Amino acid sequence: MGRRKSSNPFAEESEPELSMSPLIDVGFLLLIYFLVTTTLSKQELDLNLLLPGVASVESEPVKVDQMMIKIGGDSTISINEEVVASNPLDRELKALSDRLASYAGTAKLAGSEAMVVIACSDEAPEQRFVDVLNSCAKAGLKNISLTE
């Protein structure tokens, strides 16, 4: 028996199929190529960003205690209950100036503002008060308070 030919030449052939395995192979090859050739660069170094793991912790400045200067009625000058000058004729107050300069330097190193409180007795001579203010000015202290 012979086969009879139909007028349609594609009638006996099956539908053409697309093979997926070469496409998957090409996809994997492209993936491997880009993984191998890509270099990982640290872009955050180029942008000068401070990342959370790198940022330093800033603390509040250390507060230096205020210095209390008392001028007594007999012209004695004491710093924090320690007498530094008792001679009423001494106008330079070298010991007071040295202590105030040391205090100002300590406050500057600590990053805080130096504060001086002056308590002057009513019986103290005005010149003694002016001498203390001059010593504060020599030390560069500007934050001065007055109390009774």
N, C-alpha and C. Protein backbone atom coordinates (compact mmCIF):
# COMPACT_ATOMS: atom_id res chain seq x y z
N MET A 1 0.79 -1.16 0.00
CA MET A 1 0.00 0.00 0.00
C MET A 1 0.85 1.25 0.00
N GLY A 2 0.46 2.07 -0.75
CA GLY A 2 1.20 3.30 -0.90
C GLY A 2 0.56 4.45 -0.13
N ARG A 3 1.39 5.33 0.15
CA ARG A 3 0.90 6.50 0.89
C ARG A 3 0.47 7.54 -0.10
N ARG A 4 -0.52 8.12 0.26
CA ARG A 4 -1.05 9.13 -0.60
C ARG A 4 -0.58 10.50 -0.12
N LYS A 5 -0.12 11.34 -1.03
CA LYS A 5 0.40 12.65 -0.68
C LYS A 5 -0.77 13.62 -0.64
N SER A 6 -0.70 14.44 0.36
CA SER A 6 -1.74 15.46 0.47
C SER A 6 -1.24 16.73 -0.20
N SER A 7 -2.14 17.61 -0.42
CA SER A 7 -1.77 18.84 -1.06
C SER A 7 -1.03 19.79 -0.09
N ASN A 8 -1.13 19.58 1.21
CA ASN A 8 -0.45 20.40 2.21
C ASN A 8 0.90 19.78 2.52
N PRO A 9 2.02 20.47 2.22
CA PRO A 9 3.34 19.87 2.45
C PRO A 9 3.70 19.79 3.94
N PHE A 10 3.06 20.59 4.80
CA PHE A 10 3.42 20.58 6.23
C PHE A 10 2.46 19.73 7.06
N ALA A 11 1.59 19.00 6.45
CA ALA A 11 0.58 18.24 7.17
C ALA A 11 1.18 17.11 7.96
N GLU A 12 2.19 16.48 7.44
CA GLU A 12 2.75 15.33 8.13
C GLU A 12 3.81 15.73 9.15
N GLU A 13 4.38 16.90 9.05
CA GLU A 13 5.43 17.31 9.97
C GLU A 13 4.81 17.85 11.25
N SER A 14 5.50 17.63 12.34
CA SER A 14 5.02 18.14 13.62
C SER A 14 5.39 19.62 13.76
N GLU A 15 4.82 20.26 14.74
CA GLU A 15 5.08 21.67 15.02
C GLU A 15 6.55 21.85 15.37
N PRO A 16 7.20 22.92 14.88
CA PRO A 16 8.60 23.14 15.27
C PRO A 16 8.69 23.50 16.76
N GLU A 17 9.70 22.97 17.44
CA GLU A 17 9.87 23.21 18.88
C GLU A 17 11.13 24.06 19.10
N LEU A 18 11.07 24.84 20.16
CA LEU A 18 12.21 25.65 20.54
C LEU A 18 12.90 24.94 21.70
N SER A 19 14.15 24.59 21.55
CA SER A 19 14.88 23.89 22.58
C SER A 19 15.33 24.89 23.64
N MET A 20 15.02 24.64 24.89
CA MET A 20 15.33 25.56 25.98
C MET A 20 16.74 25.35 26.55
N SER A 21 17.33 24.21 26.40
CA SER A 21 18.63 23.96 27.01
C SER A 21 19.74 24.86 26.47
N PRO A 22 19.82 25.19 25.18
CA PRO A 22 20.85 26.14 24.77
C PRO A 22 20.62 27.55 25.33
N LEU A 23 19.35 27.95 25.49
CA LEU A 23 19.06 29.26 26.08
C LEU A 23 19.47 29.32 27.55
N ILE A 24 19.23 28.26 28.26
CA ILE A 24 19.62 28.21 29.68
C ILE A 24 21.15 28.22 29.79
N ASP A 25 21.83 27.49 28.90
CA ASP A 25 23.30 27.48 28.92
C ASP A 25 23.86 28.88 28.66
N VAL A 26 23.29 29.58 27.70
CA VAL A 26 23.75 30.93 27.40
C VAL A 26 23.50 31.86 28.58
N GLY A 27 22.35 31.72 29.24
CA GLY A 27 22.05 32.55 30.42
C GLY A 27 23.05 32.32 31.54
N PHE A 28 23.38 31.05 31.80
CA PHE A 28 24.36 30.76 32.84
C PHE A 28 25.75 31.26 32.47
N LEU A 29 26.12 31.16 31.22
CA LEU A 29 27.42 31.65 30.79
C LEU A 29 27.52 33.17 30.95
N LEU A 30 26.45 33.88 30.60
CA LEU A 30 26.45 35.33 30.79
C LEU A 30 26.52 35.70 32.28
N LEU A 31 25.79 34.96 33.09
CA LEU A 31 25.82 35.21 34.54
C LEU A 31 27.22 35.00 35.10
N ILE A 32 27.86 33.91 34.73
CA ILE A 32 29.22 33.64 35.20
C ILE A 32 30.20 34.69 34.69
N TYR A 33 30.04 35.11 33.43
CA TYR A 33 30.93 36.13 32.87
C TYR A 33 30.84 37.44 33.66
N PHE A 34 29.63 37.90 33.95
CA PHE A 34 29.48 39.16 34.67
C PHE A 34 29.90 39.04 36.14
N LEU A 35 29.72 37.89 36.76
CA LEU A 35 30.18 37.71 38.13
C LEU A 35 31.71 37.73 38.22
N VAL A 36 32.37 37.15 37.23
CA VAL A 36 33.84 37.08 37.25
C VAL A 36 34.45 38.43 36.90
N THR A 37 33.88 39.13 35.93
CA THR A 37 34.51 40.37 35.47
C THR A 37 34.15 41.59 36.31
N THR A 38 33.10 41.51 37.08
CA THR A 38 32.69 42.65 37.90
C THR A 38 33.58 42.72 39.13
N THR A 39 34.14 43.91 39.39
CA THR A 39 34.94 44.11 40.59
C THR A 39 34.09 44.87 41.60
N LEU A 40 34.17 44.45 42.83
CA LEU A 40 33.42 45.11 43.89
C LEU A 40 34.26 46.26 44.41
N SER A 41 33.76 47.46 44.27
CA SER A 41 34.50 48.64 44.74
C SER A 41 33.77 49.26 45.92
N LYS A 42 34.54 49.87 46.79
CA LYS A 42 33.96 50.54 47.95
C LYS A 42 33.62 51.97 47.56
N GLN A 43 32.40 52.17 47.19
CA GLN A 43 31.98 53.49 46.73
C GLN A 43 31.84 54.47 47.88
N GLU A 44 31.61 53.97 49.09
CA GLU A 44 31.45 54.92 50.19
C GLU A 44 32.75 55.65 50.53
N LEU A 45 33.90 55.10 50.13
CA LEU A 45 35.15 55.81 50.35
C LEU A 45 35.29 56.99 49.39
N ASP A 46 34.72 56.86 48.21
CA ASP A 46 34.79 57.94 47.25
C ASP A 46 33.86 59.10 47.62
N LEU A 47 32.81 58.82 48.36
CA LEU A 47 31.82 59.84 48.68
C LEU A 47 32.08 60.55 50.01
N ASN A 48 33.09 60.12 50.76
CA ASN A 48 33.41 60.70 52.07
C ASN A 48 32.21 60.68 53.01
N LEU A 49 31.56 59.56 53.10
CA LEU A 49 30.42 59.41 54.00
C LEU A 49 30.89 58.84 55.32
N LEU A 50 30.23 59.24 56.39
CA LEU A 50 30.48 58.64 57.69
C LEU A 50 29.38 57.60 57.93
N LEU A 51 29.75 56.36 57.82
CA LEU A 51 28.79 55.30 58.01
C LEU A 51 28.57 55.06 59.49
N PRO A 52 27.44 54.47 59.87
CA PRO A 52 27.15 54.30 61.30
C PRO A 52 28.22 53.51 62.05
N GLY A 53 28.85 52.54 61.41
CA GLY A 53 29.88 51.77 62.08
C GLY A 53 31.19 52.51 62.20
N VAL A 54 31.38 53.56 61.42
CA VAL A 54 32.64 54.28 61.38
C VAL A 54 32.58 55.58 62.17
N ALA A 55 31.40 56.13 62.36
CA ALA A 55 31.25 57.44 62.99
C ALA A 55 31.73 57.38 64.44
N SER A 56 32.40 58.44 64.85
CA SER A 56 32.88 58.51 66.22
C SER A 56 31.79 59.08 67.11
N VAL A 57 31.82 58.67 68.35
CA VAL A 57 30.83 59.13 69.31
C VAL A 57 31.36 60.39 69.98
N GLU A 58 30.59 61.44 69.90
CA GLU A 58 31.00 62.68 70.54
C GLU A 58 30.30 62.78 71.89
N SER A 59 31.07 63.10 72.88
CA SER A 59 30.49 63.25 74.20
C SER A 59 30.41 64.73 74.56
N GLU A 60 29.64 64.98 75.57
CA GLU A 60 29.51 66.36 76.03
C GLU A 60 30.83 66.80 76.67
N PRO A 61 31.14 68.08 76.57
CA PRO A 61 32.40 68.53 77.18
C PRO A 61 32.35 68.38 78.70
N VAL A 62 33.52 68.14 79.26
CA VAL A 62 33.63 68.00 80.70
C VAL A 62 33.40 69.36 81.33
N LYS A 63 32.55 69.40 82.31
CA LYS A 63 32.27 70.66 82.96
C LYS A 63 33.24 70.85 84.12
N VAL A 64 33.93 71.98 84.10
CA VAL A 64 34.86 72.31 85.17
C VAL A 64 34.07 73.11 86.21
N ASP A 65 34.28 72.76 87.47
CA ASP A 65 33.58 73.47 88.54
C ASP A 65 33.94 74.94 88.54
N GLN A 66 33.00 75.72 88.99
CA GLN A 66 33.27 77.15 89.07
C GLN A 66 34.23 77.44 90.22
N MET A 67 34.95 78.54 90.09
CA MET A 67 35.90 78.94 91.11
C MET A 67 35.26 80.04 91.96
N MET A 68 35.30 79.85 93.26
CA MET A 68 34.69 80.80 94.19
C MET A 68 35.79 81.61 94.86
N ILE A 69 35.76 82.93 94.63
CA ILE A 69 36.73 83.84 95.24
C ILE A 69 36.00 84.69 96.27
N LYS A 70 36.51 84.66 97.52
CA LYS A 70 35.90 85.46 98.58
C LYS A 70 36.87 86.55 99.01
N ILE A 71 36.35 87.76 99.10
CA ILE A 71 37.13 88.89 99.60
C ILE A 71 36.56 89.25 100.96
N GLY A 72 37.38 89.04 101.98
CA GLY A 72 36.92 89.30 103.34
C GLY A 72 37.01 90.78 103.72
N GLY A 73 36.42 91.11 104.85
CA GLY A 73 36.45 92.49 105.34
C GLY A 73 37.85 92.95 105.70
N ASP A 74 38.75 92.03 106.03
CA ASP A 74 40.12 92.39 106.37
C ASP A 74 41.04 92.29 105.15
N SER A 75 40.50 92.31 103.93
CA SER A 75 41.22 92.27 102.66
C SER A 75 41.88 90.94 102.35
N THR A 76 41.48 89.88 103.04
CA THR A 76 42.01 88.56 102.69
C THR A 76 41.23 88.01 101.50
N ILE A 77 41.96 87.36 100.63
CA ILE A 77 41.34 86.76 99.45
C ILE A 77 41.51 85.25 99.55
N SER A 78 40.43 84.54 99.40
CA SER A 78 40.49 83.08 99.47
C SER A 78 39.81 82.49 98.23
N ILE A 79 40.39 81.41 97.76
CA ILE A 79 39.84 80.67 96.63
C ILE A 79 39.38 79.33 97.15
N ASN A 80 38.08 79.07 97.03
CA ASN A 80 37.50 77.81 97.50
C ASN A 80 37.95 77.50 98.94
N GLU A 81 37.81 78.50 99.79
CA GLU A 81 38.11 78.42 101.22
C GLU A 81 39.60 78.31 101.54
N GLU A 82 40.49 78.52 100.58
CA GLU A 82 41.93 78.51 100.82
C GLU A 82 42.46 79.93 100.63
N VAL A 83 43.11 80.47 101.66
CA VAL A 83 43.60 81.85 101.62
C VAL A 83 44.81 81.92 100.69
N VAL A 84 44.74 82.85 99.71
CA VAL A 84 45.85 83.02 98.77
C VAL A 84 46.52 84.38 98.92
N ALA A 85 45.86 85.35 99.51
CA ALA A 85 46.46 86.67 99.72
C ALA A 85 45.86 87.29 100.96
N SER A 86 46.75 87.78 101.86
CA SER A 86 46.26 88.40 103.08
C SER A 86 46.83 89.79 103.30
N ASN A 87 47.83 90.17 102.52
CA ASN A 87 48.45 91.48 102.65
C ASN A 87 47.62 92.50 101.87
N PRO A 88 47.01 93.49 102.54
CA PRO A 88 46.19 94.46 101.81
C PRO A 88 46.99 95.40 100.93
N LEU A 89 48.30 95.49 101.13
CA LEU A 89 49.12 96.38 100.31
C LEU A 89 49.61 95.70 99.03
N ASP A 90 49.47 94.38 98.95
CA ASP A 90 49.89 93.64 97.76
C ASP A 90 48.82 93.81 96.67
N ARG A 91 49.15 94.58 95.64
CA ARG A 91 48.16 94.87 94.61
C ARG A 91 48.28 93.93 93.41
N GLU A 92 49.40 93.23 93.27
CA GLU A 92 49.60 92.36 92.11
C GLU A 92 48.91 91.01 92.27
N LEU A 93 48.81 90.52 93.47
CA LEU A 93 48.15 89.24 93.77
C LEU A 93 48.68 88.12 92.88
N LYS A 94 49.99 87.87 92.99
CA LYS A 94 50.67 86.88 92.14
C LYS A 94 50.07 85.49 92.32
N ALA A 95 49.83 85.08 93.56
CA ALA A 95 49.29 83.73 93.80
C ALA A 95 47.90 83.58 93.19
N LEU A 96 47.09 84.63 93.31
CA LEU A 96 45.75 84.59 92.74
C LEU A 96 45.82 84.54 91.21
N SER A 97 46.69 85.33 90.63
CA SER A 97 46.83 85.34 89.16
C SER A 97 47.29 83.98 88.63
N ASP A 98 48.21 83.33 89.35
CA ASP A 98 48.68 82.02 88.94
C ASP A 98 47.56 80.98 89.00
N ARG A 99 46.80 81.01 90.06
CA ARG A 99 45.69 80.06 90.21
C ARG A 99 44.63 80.28 89.14
N LEU A 100 44.34 81.55 88.87
CA LEU A 100 43.33 81.84 87.86
C LEU A 100 43.80 81.43 86.46
N ALA A 101 45.08 81.64 86.16
CA ALA A 101 45.62 81.22 84.86
C ALA A 101 45.59 79.71 84.72
N SER A 102 45.91 79.01 85.80
CA SER A 102 45.85 77.55 85.78
C SER A 102 44.41 77.06 85.58
N TYR A 103 43.48 77.71 86.26
CA TYR A 103 42.06 77.36 86.14
C TYR A 103 41.56 77.61 84.72
N ALA A 104 41.95 78.75 84.13
CA ALA A 104 41.52 79.07 82.77
C ALA A 104 42.09 78.06 81.77
N GLY A 105 43.33 77.65 81.96
CA GLY A 105 43.94 76.65 81.08
C GLY A 105 43.26 75.30 81.20
N THR A 106 42.93 74.89 82.41
CA THR A 106 42.24 73.62 82.63
C THR A 106 40.87 73.62 81.96
N ALA A 107 40.15 74.72 82.11
CA ALA A 107 38.82 74.82 81.49
C ALA A 107 38.92 74.79 79.97
N LYS A 108 39.95 75.43 79.44
CA LYS A 108 40.12 75.44 77.98
C LYS A 108 40.44 74.05 77.46
N LEU A 109 41.31 73.31 78.17
CA LEU A 109 41.63 71.95 77.76
C LEU A 109 40.43 71.03 77.86
N ALA A 110 39.57 71.26 78.85
CA ALA A 110 38.39 70.42 79.02
C ALA A 110 37.29 70.79 78.03
N GLY A 111 37.43 71.93 77.37
CA GLY A 111 36.43 72.34 76.40
C GLY A 111 35.19 72.96 77.03
N SER A 112 35.31 73.42 78.25
CA SER A 112 34.17 74.06 78.90
C SER A 112 34.51 75.52 79.19
N GLU A 113 33.51 76.23 79.63
CA GLU A 113 33.70 77.65 79.90
C GLU A 113 34.04 77.85 81.37
N ALA A 114 35.11 78.61 81.61
CA ALA A 114 35.53 78.89 82.98
C ALA A 114 34.58 79.92 83.59
N MET A 115 34.20 79.67 84.83
CA MET A 115 33.28 80.58 85.51
C MET A 115 33.82 80.91 86.89
N VAL A 116 33.88 82.20 87.20
CA VAL A 116 34.40 82.67 88.48
C VAL A 116 33.26 83.40 89.20
N VAL A 117 33.08 83.06 90.46
CA VAL A 117 32.08 83.73 91.29
C VAL A 117 32.85 84.49 92.37
N ILE A 118 32.60 85.78 92.47
CA ILE A 118 33.28 86.62 93.45
C ILE A 118 32.28 87.03 94.51
N ALA A 119 32.61 86.69 95.76
CA ALA A 119 31.80 87.11 96.90
C ALA A 119 32.60 88.15 97.68
N CYS A 120 32.13 89.36 97.67
CA CYS A 120 32.86 90.46 98.30
C CYS A 120 32.11 90.91 99.55
N SER A 121 32.84 91.01 100.64
CA SER A 121 32.25 91.50 101.89
C SER A 121 31.98 92.99 101.77
N ASP A 122 30.99 93.45 102.53
CA ASP A 122 30.65 94.88 102.50
C ASP A 122 31.77 95.73 103.09
N GLU A 123 32.56 95.17 104.00
CA GLU A 123 33.63 95.91 104.64
C GLU A 123 34.92 95.92 103.82
N ALA A 124 34.99 95.15 102.74
CA ALA A 124 36.21 95.07 101.95
C ALA A 124 36.42 96.37 101.17
N PRO A 125 37.69 96.80 101.07
CA PRO A 125 37.96 98.02 100.28
C PRO A 125 37.67 97.78 98.79
N GLU A 126 37.21 98.83 98.14
CA GLU A 126 36.87 98.69 96.72
C GLU A 126 38.09 98.37 95.87
N GLN A 127 39.24 98.89 96.28
CA GLN A 127 40.46 98.63 95.52
C GLN A 127 40.79 97.14 95.50
N ARG A 128 40.49 96.44 96.57
CA ARG A 128 40.76 94.99 96.63
C ARG A 128 39.89 94.26 95.60
N PHE A 129 38.66 94.69 95.48
CA PHE A 129 37.76 94.11 94.49
C PHE A 129 38.28 94.37 93.06
N VAL A 130 38.76 95.58 92.83
CA VAL A 130 39.31 95.93 91.52
C VAL A 130 40.56 95.11 91.23
N ASP A 131 41.39 94.86 92.27
CA ASP A 131 42.58 94.04 92.08
C ASP A 131 42.21 92.61 91.67
N VAL A 132 41.16 92.07 92.26
CA VAL A 132 40.71 90.71 91.90
C VAL A 132 40.20 90.71 90.46
N LEU A 133 39.46 91.73 90.07
CA LEU A 133 38.97 91.81 88.69
C LEU A 133 40.14 91.94 87.70
N ASN A 134 41.17 92.67 88.08
CA ASN A 134 42.35 92.78 87.22
C ASN A 134 43.05 91.44 87.05
N SER A 135 43.12 90.67 88.13
CA SER A 135 43.72 89.33 88.05
C SER A 135 42.90 88.42 87.13
N CYS A 136 41.59 88.54 87.20
CA CYS A 136 40.73 87.74 86.31
C CYS A 136 40.95 88.15 84.85
N ALA A 137 41.11 89.44 84.62
CA ALA A 137 41.34 89.91 83.25
C ALA A 137 42.68 89.44 82.72
N LYS A 138 43.72 89.40 83.57
CA LYS A 138 45.04 88.90 83.15
C LYS A 138 44.97 87.44 82.74
N ALA A 139 44.14 86.68 83.45
CA ALA A 139 44.01 85.25 83.15
C ALA A 139 43.11 84.99 81.95
N GLY A 140 42.44 86.02 81.46
CA GLY A 140 41.56 85.86 80.30
C GLY A 140 40.18 85.35 80.64
N LEU A 141 39.79 85.47 81.89
CA LEU A 141 38.47 85.03 82.32
C LEU A 141 37.45 86.12 82.06
N LYS A 142 36.36 85.76 81.41
CA LYS A 142 35.34 86.75 81.07
C LYS A 142 33.99 86.44 81.68
N ASN A 143 33.80 85.23 82.14
CA ASN A 143 32.53 84.84 82.73
C ASN A 143 32.64 84.96 84.24
N ILE A 144 32.30 86.15 84.75
CA ILE A 144 32.46 86.44 86.17
C ILE A 144 31.10 86.83 86.74
N SER A 145 30.77 86.22 87.87
CA SER A 145 29.52 86.52 88.56
C SER A 145 29.82 87.09 89.93
N LEU A 146 28.89 87.89 90.43
CA LEU A 146 29.04 88.49 91.75
C LEU A 146 27.94 87.95 92.67
N THR A 147 28.31 87.74 93.91
CA THR A 147 27.35 87.28 94.90
C THR A 147 27.65 87.94 96.23
N GLU A 148 26.74 87.82 97.16
CA GLU A 148 26.96 88.42 98.48
C GLU A 148 27.57 87.42 99.42
